[in-house]
């Protein structure tokens, strides 16, 4: 689709009426994240539910 992976994860959480999102966080080079975005950043900035993040 047209939405990012992070947006798709958050939409699924809303649809499932989830109470908690558990995910692993990974980082890439600063350049790559600026060009392509980042799932971890999208989820942390847009989450309306608690997120348990492990790196």
Protein backbone atom coordinates (compact mmCIF):
# COMPACT_ATOMS: atom_id res chain seq x y z
CA UNK A 1 0.00 0.00 0.00
CA UNK A 2 0.88 3.63 0.30
CA UNK A 3 1.47 3.70 4.05
CA UNK A 4 4.74 2.94 5.77
CA UNK A 5 5.38 -0.22 7.76
CA UNK A 6 5.26 1.70 11.03
CA UNK A 7 1.89 3.21 10.12
CA UNK A 8 0.56 -0.24 9.18
CA UNK A 9 1.63 -1.65 12.56
CA UNK A 10 -0.07 1.19 14.43
CA UNK A 11 -3.23 0.85 12.36
CA UNK A 12 -3.36 -2.87 13.13
CA UNK A 13 -2.96 -2.12 16.85
CA UNK A 14 -5.89 0.33 16.69
CA UNK A 15 -8.04 -2.18 14.82
CA UNK A 16 -7.25 -4.93 17.29
CA UNK A 17 -7.84 -2.56 20.25
CA UNK A 18 -4.42 -3.59 21.59
CA UNK A 19 -3.35 -2.56 25.10
CA UNK A 20 0.40 -2.94 24.51
CA UNK A 21 2.79 -3.16 21.56
CA UNK A 22 5.97 -5.18 22.04
CA UNK A 23 8.67 -4.73 19.42
CA UNK A 24 12.39 -4.81 18.83
CA UNK A 25 14.17 -1.62 17.89
CA UNK A 26 16.98 -1.41 15.38
CA UNK A 27 18.92 1.52 14.06
CA UNK A 28 20.54 2.12 10.71
CA UNK A 29 22.86 4.82 9.48
CA UNK A 30 21.58 8.37 9.95
CA UNK A 31 21.54 8.89 6.15
CA UNK A 32 19.49 5.76 5.50
CA UNK A 33 16.92 6.65 8.15
CA UNK A 34 16.57 10.19 6.80
CA UNK A 35 16.01 8.92 3.27
CA UNK A 36 13.84 5.88 4.00
CA UNK A 37 12.42 6.69 7.44
CA UNK A 38 12.39 4.22 10.28
CA UNK A 39 9.74 1.89 11.65
CA UNK A 40 10.96 2.35 15.23
CA UNK A 41 10.82 6.15 14.96
CA UNK A 42 7.38 6.11 13.32
CA UNK A 43 5.95 3.82 15.99
CA UNK A 44 7.43 5.76 18.90
CA UNK A 45 6.26 9.11 17.50
CA UNK A 46 2.76 7.93 16.60
CA UNK A 47 1.85 5.34 19.23
CA UNK A 48 -1.25 6.00 21.31
CA UNK A 49 -0.64 2.90 23.40
CA UNK A 50 2.27 1.79 25.59
CA UNK A 51 5.23 0.35 23.65
CA UNK A 52 7.69 -2.11 25.19
CA UNK A 53 10.84 -1.71 23.15
CA UNK A 54 13.87 -4.00 23.27
CA UNK A 55 17.11 -3.30 21.47
